[in-house]
Amino acid sequence: MPCDSVARKSALIPMVSHALPRIQWALVGAKRLECGSLLPLCC
């Protein structure tokens, strides 16, 4: 396995781990907005 691909993967891991919570919170926020505007009784 070439070294550069390992380096790329190890560089990608922190980026993904930083991005995932943001994506999760965006989805949670979107669900809450949907919930509040469309179905006020679902929450």
PDB file of N, CA and C in Angstrom:
ATOM      1  N   MET A   1       0.854  -1.202   0.000  1.00  0.00           N
ATOM      2  CA  MET A   1       0.000   0.000   0.000  1.00  0.00           C
ATOM      3  C   MET A   1       0.887   1.248   0.000  1.00  0.00           C
ATOM      4  N   PRO A   2       0.680   2.157  -0.921  1.00  0.00           N
ATOM      5  CA  PRO A   2       1.523   3.363  -0.963  1.00  0.00           C
ATOM      6  C   PRO A   2       1.261   4.286   0.215  1.00  0.00           C
ATOM      7  N   CYS A   3       2.307   4.988   0.630  1.00  0.00           N
ATOM      8  CA  CYS A   3       2.217   5.841   1.815  1.00  0.00           C
ATOM      9  C   CYS A   3       1.223   6.988   1.637  1.00  0.00           C
ATOM     10  N   ASP A   4       1.144   7.530   0.425  1.00  0.00           N
ATOM     11  CA  ASP A   4       0.310   8.711   0.231  1.00  0.00           C
ATOM     12  C   ASP A   4      -1.169   8.403   0.428  1.00  0.00           C
ATOM     13  N   SER A   5      -1.604   7.186   0.069  1.00  0.00           N
ATOM     14  CA  SER A   5      -3.013   6.853   0.267  1.00  0.00           C
ATOM     15  C   SER A   5      -3.338   6.716   1.757  1.00  0.00           C
ATOM     16  N   VAL A   6      -2.376   6.181   2.524  1.00  0.00           N
ATOM     17  CA  VAL A   6      -2.567   6.095   3.976  1.00  0.00           C
ATOM     18  C   VAL A   6      -2.650   7.498   4.571  1.00  0.00           C
ATOM     19  N   ALA A   7      -1.785   8.389   4.118  1.00  0.00           N
ATOM     20  CA  ALA A   7      -1.782   9.763   4.610  1.00  0.00           C
ATOM     21  C   ALA A   7      -3.096  10.459   4.275  1.00  0.00           C
ATOM     22  N   ARG A   8      -3.605  10.208   3.077  1.00  0.00           N
ATOM     23  CA  ARG A   8      -4.872  10.814   2.680  1.00  0.00           C
ATOM     24  C   ARG A   8      -6.005  10.318   3.553  1.00  0.00           C
ATOM     25  N   LYS A   9      -6.017   9.003   3.815  1.00  0.00           N
ATOM     26  CA  LYS A   9      -7.073   8.437   4.666  1.00  0.00           C
ATOM     27  C   LYS A   9      -6.994   9.009   6.070  1.00  0.00           C
ATOM     28  N   SER A  10      -5.783   9.102   6.617  1.00  0.00           N
ATOM     29  CA  SER A  10      -5.639   9.617   7.980  1.00  0.00           C
ATOM     30  C   SER A  10      -5.984  11.104   8.045  1.00  0.00           C
ATOM     31  N   ALA A  11      -5.802  11.824   6.931  1.00  0.00           N
ATOM     32  CA  ALA A  11      -6.198  13.231   6.877  1.00  0.00           C
ATOM     33  C   ALA A  11      -7.710  13.361   6.717  1.00  0.00           C
ATOM     34  N   LEU A  12      -8.306  12.375   6.082  1.00  0.00           N
ATOM     35  CA  LEU A  12      -9.744  12.417   5.829  1.00  0.00           C
ATOM     36  C   LEU A  12     -10.547  12.129   7.092  1.00  0.00           C
ATOM     37  N   ILE A  13     -10.025  11.282   7.959  1.00  0.00           N
ATOM     38  CA  ILE A  13     -10.757  10.869   9.160  1.00  0.00           C
ATOM     39  C   ILE A  13     -11.146  12.061  10.045  1.00  0.00           C
ATOM     40  N   PRO A  14     -10.212  12.956  10.403  1.00  0.00           N
ATOM     41  CA  PRO A  14     -10.637  14.106  11.218  1.00  0.00           C
ATOM     42  C   PRO A  14     -11.647  15.000  10.512  1.00  0.00           C
ATOM     43  N   MET A  15     -11.504  15.165   9.205  1.00  0.00           N
ATOM     44  CA  MET A  15     -12.457  15.984   8.453  1.00  0.00           C
ATOM     45  C   MET A  15     -13.855  15.394   8.545  1.00  0.00           C
ATOM     46  N   VAL A  16     -13.943  14.084   8.355  1.00  0.00           N
ATOM     47  CA  VAL A  16     -15.243  13.413   8.417  1.00  0.00           C
ATOM     48  C   VAL A  16     -15.812  13.490   9.834  1.00  0.00           C
ATOM     49  N   SER A  17     -14.960  13.274  10.830  1.00  0.00           N
ATOM     50  CA  SER A  17     -15.452  13.289  12.207  1.00  0.00           C
ATOM     51  C   SER A  17     -15.900  14.688  12.631  1.00  0.00           C
ATOM     52  N   HIS A  18     -15.314  15.727  12.022  1.00  0.00           N
ATOM     53  CA  HIS A  18     -15.790  17.085  12.282  1.00  0.00           C
ATOM     54  C   HIS A  18     -17.085  17.372  11.533  1.00  0.00           C
ATOM     55  N   ALA A  19     -17.223  16.805  10.335  1.00  0.00           N
ATOM     56  CA  ALA A  19     -18.389  17.101   9.496  1.00  0.00           C
ATOM     57  C   ALA A  19     -19.635  16.354   9.965  1.00  0.00           C
ATOM     58  N   LEU A  20     -19.472  15.145  10.477  1.00  0.00           N
ATOM     59  CA  LEU A  20     -20.631  14.328  10.832  1.00  0.00           C
ATOM     60  C   LEU A  20     -21.545  14.984  11.863  1.00  0.00           C
ATOM     61  N   PRO A  21     -21.014  15.522  12.970  1.00  0.00           N
ATOM     62  CA  PRO A  21     -21.927  16.168  13.928  1.00  0.00           C
ATOM     63  C   PRO A  21     -22.695  17.325  13.311  1.00  0.00           C
ATOM     64  N   ARG A  22     -22.039  18.085  12.430  1.00  0.00           N
ATOM     65  CA  ARG A  22     -22.720  19.202  11.770  1.00  0.00           C
ATOM     66  C   ARG A  22     -23.874  18.705  10.928  1.00  0.00           C
ATOM     67  N   ILE A  23     -23.637  17.612  10.194  1.00  0.00           N
ATOM     68  CA  ILE A  23     -24.690  17.019   9.358  1.00  0.00           C
ATOM     69  C   ILE A  23     -25.824  16.526  10.247  1.00  0.00           C
ATOM     70  N   GLN A  24     -25.468  15.875  11.357  1.00  0.00           N
ATOM     71  CA  GLN A  24     -26.490  15.373  12.280  1.00  0.00           C
ATOM     72  C   GLN A  24     -27.335  16.514  12.826  1.00  0.00           C
ATOM     73  N   TRP A  25     -26.665  17.599  13.262  1.00  0.00           N
ATOM     74  CA  TRP A  25     -27.407  18.728  13.824  1.00  0.00           C
ATOM     75  C   TRP A  25     -28.272  19.392  12.770  1.00  0.00           C
ATOM     76  N   ALA A  26     -27.774  19.439  11.520  1.00  0.00           N
ATOM     77  CA  ALA A  26     -28.577  20.000  10.430  1.00  0.00           C
ATOM     78  C   ALA A  26     -29.841  19.176  10.217  1.00  0.00           C
ATOM     79  N   LEU A  27     -29.689  17.850  10.266  1.00  0.00           N
ATOM     80  CA  LEU A  27     -30.846  16.977  10.098  1.00  0.00           C
ATOM     81  C   LEU A  27     -31.819  17.127  11.266  1.00  0.00           C
ATOM     82  N   VAL A  28     -31.286  17.203  12.481  1.00  0.00           N
ATOM     83  CA  VAL A  28     -32.133  17.386  13.662  1.00  0.00           C
ATOM     84  C   VAL A  28     -32.884  18.712  13.568  1.00  0.00           C
ATOM     85  N   GLY A  29     -32.156  19.767  13.173  1.00  0.00           N
ATOM     86  CA  GLY A  29     -32.785  21.083  13.024  1.00  0.00           C
ATOM     87  C   GLY A  29     -33.871  21.072  11.970  1.00  0.00           C
ATOM     88  N   ALA A  30     -33.609  20.393  10.852  1.00  0.00           N
ATOM     89  CA  ALA A  30     -34.600  20.314   9.782  1.00  0.00           C
ATOM     90  C   ALA A  30     -35.834  19.555  10.255  1.00  0.00           C
ATOM     91  N   LYS A  31     -35.618  18.474  11.012  1.00  0.00           N
ATOM     92  CA  LYS A  31     -36.747  17.705  11.531  1.00  0.00           C
ATOM     93  C   LYS A  31     -37.571  18.550  12.497  1.00  0.00           C
ATOM     94  N   ARG A  32     -36.883  19.302  13.354  1.00  0.00           N
ATOM     95  CA  ARG A  32     -37.593  20.153  14.311  1.00  0.00           C
ATOM     96  C   ARG A  32     -38.394  21.236  13.605  1.00  0.00           C
ATOM     97  N   LEU A  33     -37.780  21.836  12.576  1.00  0.00           N
ATOM     98  CA  LEU A  33     -38.486  22.866  11.811  1.00  0.00           C
ATOM     99  C   LEU A  33     -39.725  22.281  11.139  1.00  0.00           C
ATOM    100  N   GLU A  34     -39.536  21.125  10.507  1.00  0.00           N
ATOM    101  CA  GLU A  34     -40.651  20.448   9.860  1.00  0.00           C
ATOM    102  C   GLU A  34     -41.734  20.146  10.877  1.00  0.00           C
ATOM    103  N   CYS A  35     -41.296  19.625  12.002  1.00  0.00           N
ATOM    104  CA  CYS A  35     -42.204  19.240  13.068  1.00  0.00           C
ATOM    105  C   CYS A  35     -42.997  20.453  13.559  1.00  0.00           C
ATOM    106  N   GLY A  36     -42.308  21.556  13.810  1.00  0.00           N
ATOM    107  CA  GLY A  36     -42.961  22.739  14.343  1.00  0.00           C
ATOM    108  C   GLY A  36     -43.909  23.386  13.348  1.00  0.00           C
ATOM    109  N   SER A  37     -43.542  23.387  12.067  1.00  0.00           N
ATOM    110  CA  SER A  37     -44.352  24.107  11.095  1.00  0.00           C
ATOM    111  C   SER A  37     -45.488  23.245  10.532  1.00  0.00           C
ATOM    112  N   LEU A  38     -45.213  21.964  10.326  1.00  0.00           N
ATOM    113  CA  LEU A  38     -46.210  21.110   9.674  1.00  0.00           C
ATOM    114  C   LEU A  38     -47.063  20.339  10.674  1.00  0.00           C
ATOM    115  N   LEU A  39     -46.392  19.769  11.680  1.00  0.00           N
ATOM    116  CA  LEU A  39     -47.110  18.924  12.634  1.00  0.00           C
ATOM    117  C   LEU A  39     -46.788  19.362  14.059  1.00  0.00           C
ATOM    118  N   PRO A  40     -47.481  20.363  14.570  1.00  0.00           N
ATOM    119  CA  PRO A  40     -47.150  20.887  15.899  1.00  0.00           C
ATOM    120  C   PRO A  40     -47.320  19.875  17.027  1.00  0.00           C
ATOM    121  N   LEU A  41     -48.126  18.834  16.825  1.00  0.00           N
ATOM    122  CA  LEU A  41     -48.399  17.878  17.892  1.00  0.00           C
ATOM    123  C   LEU A  41     -47.439  16.694  17.907  1.00  0.00           C
ATOM    124  N   CYS A  42     -46.546  16.589  16.902  1.00  0.00           N
ATOM    125  CA  CYS A  42     -45.707  15.399  16.827  1.00  0.00           C
ATOM    126  C   CYS A  42     -44.548  15.452  17.807  1.00  0.00           C
ATOM    127  N   CYS A  43     -44.153  16.637  18.286  1.00  0.00           N
ATOM    128  CA  CYS A  43     -43.040  16.734  19.236  1.00  0.00           C
ATOM    129  C   CYS A  43     -43.580  16.738  20.656  1.00  0.00           C
TER     130      CYS A  43
END
